[in-house]
Amino acid sequence: MAITGPASYIPTINEFLAHWAQCNAALPPATPLLVRLPGSNTTVTRAQFLAQRDALQAQQAVVVSKLTDQQLVRGTILLQKSALLERFNPFTTRLDGYYQNTNFLAARPYAPGLTSGQ
């Protein structure tokens, strides 16, 4: 399996680890396979690679949790905007009555849309 995006890192690492275990089983016990990281002279054992995978999984869980929190807050803001617009629309309608036959009719406030910024 090739890495195709952020969601494919963990499954690809798991497949790599399974293959690594097969290679270690085929090698003599005294010479386990070590991997040289690309771009450096650092070698990594299978246990160190497992620890890095676990750290990546933990960080991925944090990111997913933050994204979920963000979506919940966006939903709350959308509900609050809807409630505010329900109260603001009758207000602007009442102002329209006061602005009739004046120069201010064209300058009256309009209700913002749901997608308008704060």
PDB file of N, CA and C in Angstrom:
ATOM      1  N   MET A   1       0.851  -1.180   0.000  1.00  0.00           N
ATOM      2  CA  MET A   1       0.000   0.000   0.000  1.00  0.00           C
ATOM      3  C   MET A   1       0.894   1.240   0.000  1.00  0.00           C
ATOM      4  N   ALA A   2       0.595   2.159  -0.861  1.00  0.00           N
ATOM      5  CA  ALA A   2       1.356   3.401  -0.934  1.00  0.00           C
ATOM      6  C   ALA A   2       0.679   4.479  -0.092  1.00  0.00           C
ATOM      7  N   ILE A   3       1.447   5.460   0.306  1.00  0.00           N
ATOM      8  CA  ILE A   3       0.893   6.585   1.052  1.00  0.00           C
ATOM      9  C   ILE A   3       0.203   7.504   0.057  1.00  0.00           C
ATOM     10  N   THR A   4      -1.095   7.697   0.259  1.00  0.00           N
ATOM     11  CA  THR A   4      -1.878   8.525  -0.655  1.00  0.00           C
ATOM     12  C   THR A   4      -2.376   9.798   0.009  1.00  0.00           C
ATOM     13  N   GLY A   5      -2.241   9.899   1.309  1.00  0.00           N
ATOM     14  CA  GLY A   5      -2.702  11.074   2.040  1.00  0.00           C
ATOM     15  C   GLY A   5      -2.513  10.850   3.528  1.00  0.00           C
ATOM     16  N   PRO A   6      -2.895  11.817   4.339  1.00  0.00           N
ATOM     17  CA  PRO A   6      -2.700  11.697   5.782  1.00  0.00           C
ATOM     18  C   PRO A   6      -3.370  10.465   6.397  1.00  0.00           C
ATOM     19  N   ALA A   7      -4.503  10.045   5.862  1.00  0.00           N
ATOM     20  CA  ALA A   7      -5.214   8.910   6.446  1.00  0.00           C
ATOM     21  C   ALA A   7      -4.550   7.578   6.124  1.00  0.00           C
ATOM     22  N   SER A   8      -3.631   7.544   5.164  1.00  0.00           N
ATOM     23  CA  SER A   8      -3.028   6.274   4.773  1.00  0.00           C
ATOM     24  C   SER A   8      -1.691   5.997   5.465  1.00  0.00           C
ATOM     25  N   TYR A   9      -1.202   6.911   6.291  1.00  0.00           N
ATOM     26  CA  TYR A   9       0.085   6.689   6.943  1.00  0.00           C
ATOM     27  C   TYR A   9       0.060   5.469   7.862  1.00  0.00           C
ATOM     28  N   ILE A  10      -0.907   5.415   8.755  1.00  0.00           N
ATOM     29  CA  ILE A  10      -0.943   4.336   9.749  1.00  0.00           C
ATOM     30  C   ILE A  10      -1.125   2.965   9.082  1.00  0.00           C
ATOM     31  N   PRO A  11      -2.092   2.778   8.150  1.00  0.00           N
ATOM     32  CA  PRO A  11      -2.194   1.469   7.497  1.00  0.00           C
ATOM     33  C   PRO A  11      -0.918   1.076   6.741  1.00  0.00           C
ATOM     34  N   THR A  12      -0.260   2.037   6.110  1.00  0.00           N
ATOM     35  CA  THR A  12       0.984   1.736   5.394  1.00  0.00           C
ATOM     36  C   THR A  12       2.082   1.339   6.376  1.00  0.00           C
ATOM     37  N   ILE A  13       2.174   2.045   7.482  1.00  0.00           N
ATOM     38  CA  ILE A  13       3.165   1.696   8.504  1.00  0.00           C
ATOM     39  C   ILE A  13       2.880   0.299   9.055  1.00  0.00           C
ATOM     40  N   ASN A  14       1.611  -0.034   9.279  1.00  0.00           N
ATOM     41  CA  ASN A  14       1.271  -1.359   9.797  1.00  0.00           C
ATOM     42  C   ASN A  14       1.666  -2.458   8.817  1.00  0.00           C
ATOM     43  N   GLU A  15       1.451  -2.238   7.527  1.00  0.00           N
ATOM     44  CA  GLU A  15       1.872  -3.219   6.533  1.00  0.00           C
ATOM     45  C   GLU A  15       3.398  -3.339   6.507  1.00  0.00           C
ATOM     46  N   PHE A  16       4.076  -2.219   6.617  1.00  0.00           N
ATOM     47  CA  PHE A  16       5.535  -2.224   6.641  1.00  0.00           C
ATOM     48  C   PHE A  16       6.042  -2.991   7.857  1.00  0.00           C
ATOM     49  N   LEU A  17       5.404  -2.781   9.016  1.00  0.00           N
ATOM     50  CA  LEU A  17       5.819  -3.483  10.239  1.00  0.00           C
ATOM     51  C   LEU A  17       5.597  -4.987  10.118  1.00  0.00           C
ATOM     52  N   ALA A  18       4.492  -5.395   9.491  1.00  0.00           N
ATOM     53  CA  ALA A  18       4.237  -6.824   9.298  1.00  0.00           C
ATOM     54  C   ALA A  18       5.312  -7.437   8.408  1.00  0.00           C
ATOM     55  N   HIS A  19       5.675  -6.735   7.344  1.00  0.00           N
ATOM     56  CA  HIS A  19       6.735  -7.224   6.457  1.00  0.00           C
ATOM     57  C   HIS A  19       8.074  -7.257   7.190  1.00  0.00           C
ATOM     58  N   TRP A  20       8.315  -6.271   8.020  1.00  0.00           N
ATOM     59  CA  TRP A  20       9.549  -6.204   8.799  1.00  0.00           C
ATOM     60  C   TRP A  20       9.656  -7.430   9.714  1.00  0.00           C
ATOM     61  N   ALA A  21       8.539  -7.798  10.344  1.00  0.00           N
ATOM     62  CA  ALA A  21       8.535  -8.979  11.216  1.00  0.00           C
ATOM     63  C   ALA A  21       8.849 -10.246  10.418  1.00  0.00           C
ATOM     64  N   GLN A  22       8.323 -10.347   9.207  1.00  0.00           N
ATOM     65  CA  GLN A  22       8.616 -11.507   8.357  1.00  0.00           C
ATOM     66  C   GLN A  22      10.107 -11.550   7.999  1.00  0.00           C
ATOM     67  N   CYS A  23      10.677 -10.391   7.706  1.00  0.00           N
ATOM     68  CA  CYS A  23      12.110 -10.338   7.386  1.00  0.00           C
ATOM     69  C   CYS A  23      12.950 -10.739   8.591  1.00  0.00           C
ATOM     70  N   ASN A  24      12.593 -10.248   9.770  1.00  0.00           N
ATOM     71  CA  ASN A  24      13.335 -10.610  10.978  1.00  0.00           C
ATOM     72  C   ASN A  24      13.228 -12.107  11.254  1.00  0.00           C
ATOM     73  N   ALA A  25      12.067 -12.719  10.937  1.00  0.00           N
ATOM     74  CA  ALA A  25      11.904 -14.160  11.146  1.00  0.00           C
ATOM     75  C   ALA A  25      12.776 -14.959  10.189  1.00  0.00           C
ATOM     76  N   ALA A  26      13.007 -14.429   8.994  1.00  0.00           N
ATOM     77  CA  ALA A  26      13.822 -15.132   8.004  1.00  0.00           C
ATOM     78  C   ALA A  26      15.319 -14.949   8.255  1.00  0.00           C
ATOM     79  N   LEU A  27      15.717 -13.900   8.968  1.00  0.00           N
ATOM     80  CA  LEU A  27      17.123 -13.635   9.240  1.00  0.00           C
ATOM     81  C   LEU A  27      17.601 -14.437  10.443  1.00  0.00           C
ATOM     82  N   PRO A  28      18.894 -14.620  10.564  1.00  0.00           N
ATOM     83  CA  PRO A  28      19.405 -15.257  11.782  1.00  0.00           C
ATOM     84  C   PRO A  28      19.060 -14.410  13.004  1.00  0.00           C
ATOM     85  N   PRO A  29      18.825 -15.006  14.160  1.00  0.00           N
ATOM     86  CA  PRO A  29      18.397 -14.255  15.359  1.00  0.00           C
ATOM     87  C   PRO A  29      19.371 -13.163  15.794  1.00  0.00           C
ATOM     88  N   ALA A  30      20.636 -13.309  15.486  1.00  0.00           N
ATOM     89  CA  ALA A  30      21.620 -12.329  15.953  1.00  0.00           C
ATOM     90  C   ALA A  30      21.658 -11.083  15.080  1.00  0.00           C
ATOM     91  N   THR A  31      21.012 -11.098  13.903  1.00  0.00           N
ATOM     92  CA  THR A  31      21.091  -9.946  13.000  1.00  0.00           C
ATOM     93  C   THR A  31      19.698  -9.466  12.598  1.00  0.00           C
ATOM     94  N   PRO A  32      18.988  -8.787  13.502  1.00  0.00           N
ATOM     95  CA  PRO A  32      17.675  -8.258  13.120  1.00  0.00           C
ATOM     96  C   PRO A  32      17.820  -7.123  12.108  1.00  0.00           C
ATOM     97  N   LEU A  33      16.795  -6.937  11.343  1.00  0.00           N
ATOM     98  CA  LEU A  33      16.788  -5.911  10.300  1.00  0.00           C
ATOM     99  C   LEU A  33      16.706  -4.525  10.933  1.00  0.00           C
ATOM    100  N   LEU A  34      17.549  -3.616  10.462  1.00  0.00           N
ATOM    101  CA  LEU A  34      17.500  -2.216  10.852  1.00  0.00           C
ATOM    102  C   LEU A  34      17.165  -1.409   9.604  1.00  0.00           C
ATOM    103  N   VAL A  35      16.467  -0.312   9.774  1.00  0.00           N
ATOM    104  CA  VAL A  35      16.086   0.532   8.650  1.00  0.00           C
ATOM    105  C   VAL A  35      16.803   1.855   8.779  1.00  0.00           C
ATOM    106  N   ARG A  36      17.383   2.302   7.680  1.00  0.00           N
ATOM    107  CA  ARG A  36      18.028   3.616   7.640  1.00  0.00           C
ATOM    108  C   ARG A  36      16.991   4.626   7.165  1.00  0.00           C
ATOM    109  N   LEU A  37      16.777   5.660   7.964  1.00  0.00           N
ATOM    110  CA  LEU A  37      15.799   6.679   7.606  1.00  0.00           C
ATOM    111  C   LEU A  37      16.305   7.496   6.426  1.00  0.00           C
ATOM    112  N   PRO A  38      15.419   7.795   5.459  1.00  0.00           N
ATOM    113  CA  PRO A  38      15.862   8.574   4.311  1.00  0.00           C
ATOM    114  C   PRO A  38      16.275   9.990   4.712  1.00  0.00           C
ATOM    115  N   GLY A  39      17.331  10.466   4.090  1.00  0.00           N
ATOM    116  CA  GLY A  39      17.788  11.823   4.355  1.00  0.00           C
ATOM    117  C   GLY A  39      18.672  11.961   5.584  1.00  0.00           C
ATOM    118  N   SER A  40      18.970  10.839   6.238  1.00  0.00           N
ATOM    119  CA  SER A  40      19.843  10.903   7.419  1.00  0.00           C
ATOM    120  C   SER A  40      20.604   9.587   7.533  1.00  0.00           C
ATOM    121  N   ASN A  41      21.556   9.548   8.435  1.00  0.00           N
ATOM    122  CA  ASN A  41      22.319   8.321   8.678  1.00  0.00           C
ATOM    123  C   ASN A  41      21.788   7.577   9.893  1.00  0.00           C
ATOM    124  N   THR A  42      20.571   7.871  10.307  1.00  0.00           N
ATOM    125  CA  THR A  42      19.994   7.278  11.499  1.00  0.00           C
ATOM    126  C   THR A  42      19.388   5.925  11.164  1.00  0.00           C
ATOM    127  N   THR A  43      19.723   4.921  11.958  1.00  0.00           N
ATOM    128  CA  THR A  43      19.089   3.611  11.808  1.00  0.00           C
ATOM    129  C   THR A  43      18.064   3.444  12.922  1.00  0.00           C
ATOM    130  N   VAL A  44      17.015   2.716  12.600  1.00  0.00           N
ATOM    131  CA  VAL A  44      15.902   2.561  13.528  1.00  0.00           C
ATOM    132  C   VAL A  44      15.600   1.073  13.682  1.00  0.00           C
ATOM    133  N   THR A  45      15.401   0.651  14.918  1.00  0.00           N
ATOM    134  CA  THR A  45      14.974  -0.727  15.154  1.00  0.00           C
ATOM    135  C   THR A  45      13.462  -0.814  14.998  1.00  0.00           C
ATOM    136  N   ARG A  46      12.964  -2.040  14.963  1.00  0.00           N
ATOM    137  CA  ARG A  46      11.519  -2.236  14.826  1.00  0.00           C
ATOM    138  C   ARG A  46      10.785  -1.647  16.029  1.00  0.00           C
ATOM    139  N   ALA A  47      11.346  -1.798  17.213  1.00  0.00           N
ATOM    140  CA  ALA A  47      10.712  -1.264  18.432  1.00  0.00           C
ATOM    141  C   ALA A  47      10.652   0.266  18.386  1.00  0.00           C
ATOM    142  N   GLN A  48      11.715   0.893  17.886  1.00  0.00           N
ATOM    143  CA  GLN A  48      11.706   2.362  17.771  1.00  0.00           C
ATOM    144  C   GLN A  48      10.678   2.816  16.729  1.00  0.00           C
ATOM    145  N   PHE A  49      10.573   2.048  15.644  1.00  0.00           N
ATOM    146  CA  PHE A  49       9.597   2.380  14.610  1.00  0.00           C
ATOM    147  C   PHE A  49       8.173   2.210  15.137  1.00  0.00           C
ATOM    148  N   LEU A  50       7.947   1.175  15.950  1.00  0.00           N
ATOM    149  CA  LEU A  50       6.642   0.984  16.603  1.00  0.00           C
ATOM    150  C   LEU A  50       6.312   2.167  17.507  1.00  0.00           C
ATOM    151  N   ALA A  51       7.304   2.642  18.253  1.00  0.00           N
ATOM    152  CA  ALA A  51       7.080   3.780  19.151  1.00  0.00           C
ATOM    153  C   ALA A  51       6.728   5.033  18.346  1.00  0.00           C
ATOM    154  N   GLN A  52       7.394   5.223  17.204  1.00  0.00           N
ATOM    155  CA  GLN A  52       7.073   6.371  16.354  1.00  0.00           C
ATOM    156  C   GLN A  52       5.671   6.248  15.770  1.00  0.00           C
ATOM    157  N   ARG A  53       5.272   5.023  15.395  1.00  0.00           N
ATOM    158  CA  ARG A  53       3.915   4.812  14.883  1.00  0.00           C
ATOM    159  C   ARG A  53       2.881   5.118  15.951  1.00  0.00           C
ATOM    160  N   ASP A  54       3.154   4.663  17.181  1.00  0.00           N
ATOM    161  CA  ASP A  54       2.220   4.925  18.287  1.00  0.00           C
ATOM    162  C   ASP A  54       2.103   6.422  18.574  1.00  0.00           C
ATOM    163  N   ALA A  55       3.233   7.136  18.506  1.00  0.00           N
ATOM    164  CA  ALA A  55       3.199   8.585  18.717  1.00  0.00           C
ATOM    165  C   ALA A  55       2.404   9.272  17.607  1.00  0.00           C
ATOM    166  N   LEU A  56       2.558   8.799  16.377  1.00  0.00           N
ATOM    167  CA  LEU A  56       1.804   9.359  15.252  1.00  0.00           C
ATOM    168  C   LEU A  56       0.307   9.103  15.420  1.00  0.00           C
ATOM    169  N   GLN A  57      -0.047   7.893  15.873  1.00  0.00           N
ATOM    170  CA  GLN A  57      -1.464   7.581  16.115  1.00  0.00           C
ATOM    171  C   GLN A  57      -2.043   8.477  17.204  1.00  0.00           C
ATOM    172  N   ALA A  58      -1.275   8.702  18.259  1.00  0.00           N
ATOM    173  CA  ALA A  58      -1.750   9.567  19.341  1.00  0.00           C
ATOM    174  C   ALA A  58      -1.958  10.989  18.828  1.00  0.00           C
ATOM    175  N   GLN A  59      -1.023  11.489  18.031  1.00  0.00           N
ATOM    176  CA  GLN A  59      -1.149  12.840  17.483  1.00  0.00           C
ATOM    177  C   GLN A  59      -2.322  12.924  16.517  1.00  0.00           C
ATOM    178  N   GLN A  60      -2.530  11.866  15.745  1.00  0.00           N
ATOM    179  CA  GLN A  60      -3.661  11.831  14.819  1.00  0.00           C
ATOM    180  C   GLN A  60      -4.985  11.881  15.584  1.00  0.00           C
ATOM    181  N   ALA A  61      -5.057  11.189  16.715  1.00  0.00           N
ATOM    182  CA  ALA A  61      -6.269  11.217  17.534  1.00  0.00           C
ATOM    183  C   ALA A  61      -6.522  12.626  18.075  1.00  0.00           C
ATOM    184  N   VAL A  62      -5.457  13.338  18.447  1.00  0.00           N
ATOM    185  CA  VAL A  62      -5.597  14.712  18.938  1.00  0.00           C
ATOM    186  C   VAL A  62      -6.144  15.608  17.827  1.00  0.00           C
ATOM    187  N   VAL A  63      -5.604  15.450  16.617  1.00  0.00           N
ATOM    188  CA  VAL A  63      -6.050  16.281  15.490  1.00  0.00           C
ATOM    189  C   VAL A  63      -7.522  16.005  15.172  1.00  0.00           C
ATOM    190  N   VAL A  64      -7.912  14.737  15.156  1.00  0.00           N
ATOM    191  CA  VAL A  64      -9.315  14.392  14.881  1.00  0.00           C
ATOM    192  C   VAL A  64     -10.224  14.973  15.957  1.00  0.00           C
ATOM    193  N   SER A  65      -9.786  14.909  17.204  1.00  0.00           N
ATOM    194  CA  SER A  65     -10.571  15.474  18.303  1.00  0.00           C
ATOM    195  C   SER A  65     -10.740  16.985  18.141  1.00  0.00           C
ATOM    196  N   LYS A  66      -9.660  17.677  17.771  1.00  0.00           N
ATOM    197  CA  LYS A  66      -9.741  19.134  17.576  1.00  0.00           C
ATOM    198  C   LYS A  66     -10.646  19.486  16.401  1.00  0.00           C
ATOM    199  N   LEU A  67     -10.582  18.697  15.324  1.00  0.00           N
ATOM    200  CA  LEU A  67     -11.455  18.955  14.174  1.00  0.00           C
ATOM    201  C   LEU A  67     -12.924  18.749  14.546  1.00  0.00           C
ATOM    202  N   THR A  68     -13.192  17.734  15.359  1.00  0.00           N
ATOM    203  CA  THR A  68     -14.564  17.501  15.822  1.00  0.00           C
ATOM    204  C   THR A  68     -15.043  18.665  16.681  1.00  0.00           C
ATOM    205  N   ASP A  69     -14.180  19.122  17.593  1.00  0.00           N
ATOM    206  CA  ASP A  69     -14.535  20.276  18.423  1.00  0.00           C
ATOM    207  C   ASP A  69     -14.830  21.500  17.562  1.00  0.00           C
ATOM    208  N   GLN A  70     -14.024  21.704  16.531  1.00  0.00           N
ATOM    209  CA  GLN A  70     -14.219  22.844  15.643  1.00  0.00           C
ATOM    210  C   GLN A  70     -15.571  22.764  14.931  1.00  0.00           C
ATOM    211  N   GLN A  71     -15.944  21.588  14.461  1.00  0.00           N
ATOM    212  CA  GLN A  71     -17.227  21.427  13.784  1.00  0.00           C
ATOM    213  C   GLN A  71     -18.391  21.673  14.742  1.00  0.00           C
ATOM    214  N   LEU A  72     -18.246  21.219  15.989  1.00  0.00           N
ATOM    215  CA  LEU A  72     -19.301  21.459  16.980  1.00  0.00           C
ATOM    216  C   LEU A  72     -19.470  22.950  17.256  1.00  0.00           C
ATOM    217  N   VAL A  73     -18.360  23.669  17.366  1.00  0.00           N
ATOM    218  CA  VAL A  73     -18.432  25.105  17.614  1.00  0.00           C
ATOM    219  C   VAL A  73     -19.049  25.820  16.411  1.00  0.00           C
ATOM    220  N   ARG A  74     -18.675  25.394  15.205  1.00  0.00           N
ATOM    221  CA  ARG A  74     -19.273  26.005  14.013  1.00  0.00           C
ATOM    222  C   ARG A  74     -20.786  25.784  13.983  1.00  0.00           C
ATOM    223  N   GLY A  75     -21.230  24.598  14.377  1.00  0.00           N
ATOM    224  CA  GLY A  75     -22.674  24.334  14.442  1.00  0.00           C
ATOM    225  C   GLY A  75     -23.362  25.217  15.462  1.00  0.00           C
ATOM    226  N   THR A  76     -22.723  25.424  16.611  1.00  0.00           N
ATOM    227  CA  THR A  76     -23.278  26.298  17.639  1.00  0.00           C
ATOM    228  C   THR A  76     -23.386  27.731  17.131  1.00  0.00           C
ATOM    229  N   ILE A  77     -22.353  28.207  16.456  1.00  0.00           N
ATOM    230  CA  ILE A  77     -22.377  29.566  15.907  1.00  0.00           C
ATOM    231  C   ILE A  77     -23.495  29.705  14.880  1.00  0.00           C
ATOM    232  N   LEU A  78     -23.669  28.704  14.033  1.00  0.00           N
ATOM    233  CA  LEU A  78     -24.730  28.756  13.032  1.00  0.00           C
ATOM    234  C   LEU A  78     -26.111  28.823  13.689  1.00  0.00           C
ATOM    235  N   LEU A  79     -26.312  28.055  14.756  1.00  0.00           N
ATOM    236  CA  LEU A  79     -27.588  28.116  15.469  1.00  0.00           C
ATOM    237  C   LEU A  79     -27.807  29.487  16.108  1.00  0.00           C
ATOM    238  N   GLN A  80     -26.740  30.060  16.663  1.00  0.00           N
ATOM    239  CA  GLN A  80     -26.860  31.378  17.278  1.00  0.00           C
ATOM    240  C   GLN A  80     -27.130  32.452  16.230  1.00  0.00           C
ATOM    241  N   LYS A  81     -26.478  32.341  15.072  1.00  0.00           N
ATOM    242  CA  LYS A  81     -26.729  33.310  14.005  1.00  0.00           C
ATOM    243  C   LYS A  81     -28.181  33.232  13.536  1.00  0.00           C
ATOM    244  N   SER A  82     -28.693  32.019  13.410  1.00  0.00           N
ATOM    245  CA  SER A  82     -30.087  31.855  12.976  1.00  0.00           C
ATOM    246  C   SER A  82     -31.039  32.506  13.964  1.00  0.00           C
ATOM    247  N   ALA A  83     -30.779  32.292  15.259  1.00  0.00           N
ATOM    248  CA  ALA A  83     -31.644  32.883  16.284  1.00  0.00           C
ATOM    249  C   ALA A  83     -31.557  34.412  16.262  1.00  0.00           C
ATOM    250  N   LEU A  84     -30.351  34.939  16.082  1.00  0.00           N
ATOM    251  CA  LEU A  84     -30.196  36.394  16.030  1.00  0.00           C
ATOM    252  C   LEU A  84     -30.887  36.991  14.806  1.00  0.00           C
ATOM    253  N   LEU A  85     -30.794  36.313  13.677  1.00  0.00           N
ATOM    254  CA  LEU A  85     -31.449  36.822  12.473  1.00  0.00           C
ATOM    255  C   LEU A  85     -32.966  36.796  12.604  1.00  0.00           C
ATOM    256  N   GLU A  86     -33.493  35.801  13.308  1.00  0.00           N
ATOM    257  CA  GLU A  86     -34.942  35.769  13.540  1.00  0.00           C
ATOM    258  C   GLU A  86     -35.394  36.976  14.353  1.00  0.00           C
ATOM    259  N   ARG A  87     -34.550  37.450  15.245  1.00  0.00           N
ATOM    260  CA  ARG A  87     -34.895  38.632  16.043  1.00  0.00           C
ATOM    261  C   ARG A  87     -34.601  39.922  15.298  1.00  0.00           C
ATOM    262  N   PHE A  88     -33.589  39.909  14.431  1.00  0.00           N
ATOM    263  CA  PHE A  88     -33.182  41.121  13.730  1.00  0.00           C
ATOM    264  C   PHE A  88     -34.131  41.463  12.582  1.00  0.00           C
ATOM    265  N   ASN A  89     -34.668  40.474  11.913  1.00  0.00           N
ATOM    266  CA  ASN A  89     -35.546  40.737  10.766  1.00  0.00           C
ATOM    267  C   ASN A  89     -36.792  41.537  11.148  1.00  0.00           C
ATOM    268  N   PRO A  90     -37.514  41.219  12.234  1.00  0.00           N
ATOM    269  CA  PRO A  90     -38.644  42.086  12.609  1.00  0.00           C
ATOM    270  C   PRO A  90     -38.209  43.513  12.967  1.00  0.00           C
ATOM    271  N   PHE A  91     -37.006  43.656  13.524  1.00  0.00           N
ATOM    272  CA  PHE A  91     -36.491  44.979  13.861  1.00  0.00           C
ATOM    273  C   PHE A  91     -36.307  45.813  12.591  1.00  0.00           C
ATOM    274  N   THR A  92     -35.675  45.227  11.554  1.00  0.00           N
ATOM    275  CA  THR A  92     -35.472  45.988  10.320  1.00  0.00           C
ATOM    276  C   THR A  92     -36.793  46.263   9.615  1.00  0.00           C
ATOM    277  N   THR A  93     -37.741  45.346   9.758  1.00  0.00           N
ATOM    278  CA  THR A  93     -39.062  45.588   9.167  1.00  0.00           C
ATOM    279  C   THR A  93     -39.731  46.784   9.842  1.00  0.00           C
ATOM    280  N   ARG A  94     -39.620  46.860  11.150  1.00  0.00           N
ATOM    281  CA  ARG A  94     -40.205  47.994  11.873  1.00  0.00           C
ATOM    282  C   ARG A  94     -39.505  49.309  11.492  1.00  0.00           C
ATOM    283  N   LEU A  95     -38.176  49.254  11.322  1.00  0.00           N
ATOM    284  CA  LEU A  95     -37.452  50.451  10.905  1.00  0.00           C
ATOM    285  C   LEU A  95     -37.888  50.899   9.519  1.00  0.00           C
ATOM    286  N   ASP A  96     -38.203  49.942   8.646  1.00  0.00           N
ATOM    287  CA  ASP A  96     -38.670  50.302   7.301  1.00  0.00           C
ATOM    288  C   ASP A  96     -39.908  51.189   7.390  1.00  0.00           C
ATOM    289  N   GLY A  97     -40.753  50.929   8.356  1.00  0.00           N
ATOM    290  CA  GLY A  97     -41.933  51.762   8.536  1.00  0.00           C
ATOM    291  C   GLY A  97     -41.576  53.195   8.893  1.00  0.00           C
ATOM    292  N   TYR A  98     -40.541  53.361   9.706  1.00  0.00           N
ATOM    293  CA  TYR A  98     -40.110  54.700  10.090  1.00  0.00           C
ATOM    294  C   TYR A  98     -39.366  55.414   8.958  1.00  0.00           C
ATOM    295  N   TYR A  99     -38.689  54.652   8.110  1.00  0.00           N
ATOM    296  CA  TYR A  99     -37.886  55.238   7.039  1.00  0.00           C
ATOM    297  C   TYR A  99     -38.703  55.588   5.792  1.00  0.00           C
ATOM    298  N   GLN A 100     -39.945  55.164   5.713  1.00  0.00           N
ATOM    299  CA  GLN A 100     -40.744  55.468   4.528  1.00  0.00           C
ATOM    300  C   GLN A 100     -40.838  56.980   4.340  1.00  0.00           C
ATOM    301  N   ASN A 101     -40.745  57.400   3.091  1.00  0.00           N
ATOM    302  CA  ASN A 101     -40.849  58.813   2.714  1.00  0.00           C
ATOM    303  C   ASN A 101     -39.735  59.674   3.311  1.00  0.00           C
ATOM    304  N   THR A 102     -38.552  59.063   3.546  1.00  0.00           N
ATOM    305  CA  THR A 102     -37.395  59.836   4.011  1.00  0.00           C
ATOM    306  C   THR A 102     -36.204  59.529   3.106  1.00  0.00           C
ATOM    307  N   ASN A 103     -35.164  60.311   3.273  1.00  0.00           N
ATOM    308  CA  ASN A 103     -33.935  60.068   2.519  1.00  0.00           C
ATOM    309  C   ASN A 103     -33.160  58.861   3.044  1.00  0.00           C
ATOM    310  N   PHE A 104     -33.534  58.371   4.233  1.00  0.00           N
ATOM    311  CA  PHE A 104     -32.782  57.289   4.869  1.00  0.00           C
ATOM    312  C   PHE A 104     -33.220  55.896   4.407  1.00  0.00           C
ATOM    313  N   LEU A 105     -34.251  55.796   3.621  1.00  0.00           N
ATOM    314  CA  LEU A 105     -34.768  54.482   3.212  1.00  0.00           C
ATOM    315  C   LEU A 105     -33.698  53.670   2.485  1.00  0.00           C
ATOM    316  N   ALA A 106     -32.934  54.336   1.617  1.00  0.00           N
ATOM    317  CA  ALA A 106     -31.897  53.614   0.871  1.00  0.00           C
ATOM    318  C   ALA A 106     -30.695  53.266   1.750  1.00  0.00           C
ATOM    319  N   ALA A 107     -30.543  53.929   2.899  1.00  0.00           N
ATOM    320  CA  ALA A 107     -29.387  53.700   3.767  1.00  0.00           C
ATOM    321  C   ALA A 107     -29.708  52.818   4.963  1.00  0.00           C
ATOM    322  N   ARG A 108     -30.900  52.247   4.985  1.00  0.00           N
ATOM    323  CA  ARG A 108     -31.290  51.448   6.154  1.00  0.00           C
ATOM    324  C   ARG A 108     -30.437  50.173   6.235  1.00  0.00           C
ATOM    325  N   PRO A 109     -30.295  49.613   7.415  1.00  0.00           N
ATOM    326  CA  PRO A 109     -29.480  48.400   7.574  1.00  0.00           C
ATOM    327  C   PRO A 109     -30.186  47.179   6.998  1.00  0.00           C
ATOM    328  N   TYR A 110     -29.417  46.324   6.396  1.00  0.00           N
ATOM    329  CA  TYR A 110     -29.945  45.053   5.894  1.00  0.00           C
ATOM    330  C   TYR A 110     -29.500  43.931   6.816  1.00  0.00           C
ATOM    331  N   ALA A 111     -30.315  42.922   6.895  1.00  0.00           N
ATOM    332  CA  ALA A 111     -29.959  41.767   7.722  1.00  0.00           C
ATOM    333  C   ALA A 111     -28.813  40.999   7.041  1.00  0.00           C
ATOM    334  N   PRO A 112     -27.786  40.631   7.791  1.00  0.00           N
ATOM    335  CA  PRO A 112     -26.689  39.863   7.196  1.00  0.00           C
ATOM    336  C   PRO A 112     -27.161  38.428   6.901  1.00  0.00           C
ATOM    337  N   GLY A 113     -26.460  37.783   6.015  1.00  0.00           N
ATOM    338  CA  GLY A 113     -26.766  36.378   5.712  1.00  0.00           C
ATOM    339  C   GLY A 113     -26.112  35.441   6.709  1.00  0.00           C
ATOM    340  N   LEU A 114     -26.481  34.167   6.656  1.00  0.00           N
ATOM    341  CA  LEU A 114     -25.885  33.198   7.573  1.00  0.00           C
ATOM    342  C   LEU A 114     -24.394  33.000   7.303  1.00  0.00           C
ATOM    343  N   THR A 115     -23.978  33.237   6.071  1.00  0.00           N
ATOM    344  CA  THR A 115     -22.565  33.040   5.743  1.00  0.00           C
ATOM    345  C   THR A 115     -21.724  34.294   5.948  1.00  0.00           C
ATOM    346  N   SER A 116     -22.342  35.372   6.371  1.00  0.00           N
ATOM    347  CA  SER A 116     -21.592  36.599   6.622  1.00  0.00           C
ATOM    348  C   SER A 116     -20.686  36.404   7.832  1.00  0.00           C
ATOM    349  N   GLY A 117     -19.541  37.054   7.815  1.00  0.00           N
ATOM    350  CA  GLY A 117     -18.607  36.945   8.944  1.00  0.00           C
ATOM    351  C   GLY A 117     -19.112  37.707  10.153  1.00  0.00           C
ATOM    352  N   GLN A 118     -18.402  37.546  11.252  1.00  0.00           N
ATOM    353  CA  GLN A 118     -18.795  38.201  12.487  1.00  0.00           C
ATOM    354  C   GLN A 118     -18.698  39.697  12.316  1.00  0.00           C
TER     355      GLN A 118
END
